[in-house]
């Protein structure tokens, strides 16, 4: 699991330098609720 979750409102290019350490919300899907995102981030 990535250590950092990049907000969907930030440019996607922020996730490209990550080496697997970051995940952009766009990669996870656009239908997640705020609660689902928060639970994912806490895990």
Protein backbone atom coordinates (compact mmCIF):
# COMPACT_ATOMS: atom_id res chain seq x y z
CA UNK A 1 0.00 0.00 0.00
CA UNK A 2 1.33 3.47 -0.84
CA UNK A 3 2.43 5.77 1.98
CA UNK A 4 0.90 8.90 0.44
CA UNK A 5 -2.50 9.50 -1.13
CA UNK A 6 -2.61 12.44 -3.52
CA UNK A 7 -5.85 14.39 -3.64
CA UNK A 8 -7.85 14.34 -6.85
CA UNK A 9 -7.71 18.15 -6.99
CA UNK A 10 -3.91 18.13 -7.32
CA UNK A 11 -2.32 17.60 -10.74
CA UNK A 12 -1.83 13.98 -11.71
CA UNK A 13 1.87 14.60 -12.42
CA UNK A 14 2.49 14.77 -8.65
CA UNK A 15 2.05 10.99 -8.54
CA UNK A 16 4.53 10.24 -11.33
CA UNK A 17 7.70 10.68 -9.22
CA UNK A 18 6.51 8.38 -6.50
CA UNK A 19 8.22 5.01 -7.17
CA UNK A 20 5.13 3.31 -5.78
CA UNK A 21 5.16 5.40 -2.61
CA UNK A 22 2.22 7.55 -3.73
CA UNK A 23 -1.16 6.88 -5.19
CA UNK A 24 -3.33 9.46 -6.90
CA UNK A 25 -7.04 9.24 -6.28
CA UNK A 26 -7.61 9.18 -10.04
CA UNK A 27 -5.91 5.75 -10.08
CA UNK A 28 -8.30 4.41 -7.47
CA UNK A 29 -11.51 5.50 -9.17
CA UNK A 30 -13.69 8.55 -9.32
CA UNK A 31 -16.73 7.16 -7.53
CA UNK A 32 -15.31 6.96 -4.00
CA UNK A 33 -17.07 8.89 -1.26
CA UNK A 34 -15.12 11.05 1.19
CA UNK A 35 -15.71 8.41 3.86
CA UNK A 36 -14.29 5.65 1.67
CA UNK A 37 -11.23 7.76 0.87
CA UNK A 38 -10.66 8.48 4.55
CA UNK A 39 -10.93 4.79 5.49
CA UNK A 40 -8.50 3.85 2.71
CA UNK A 41 -6.02 6.51 3.84
CA UNK A 42 -6.20 5.38 7.47
CA UNK A 43 -5.38 1.79 6.52
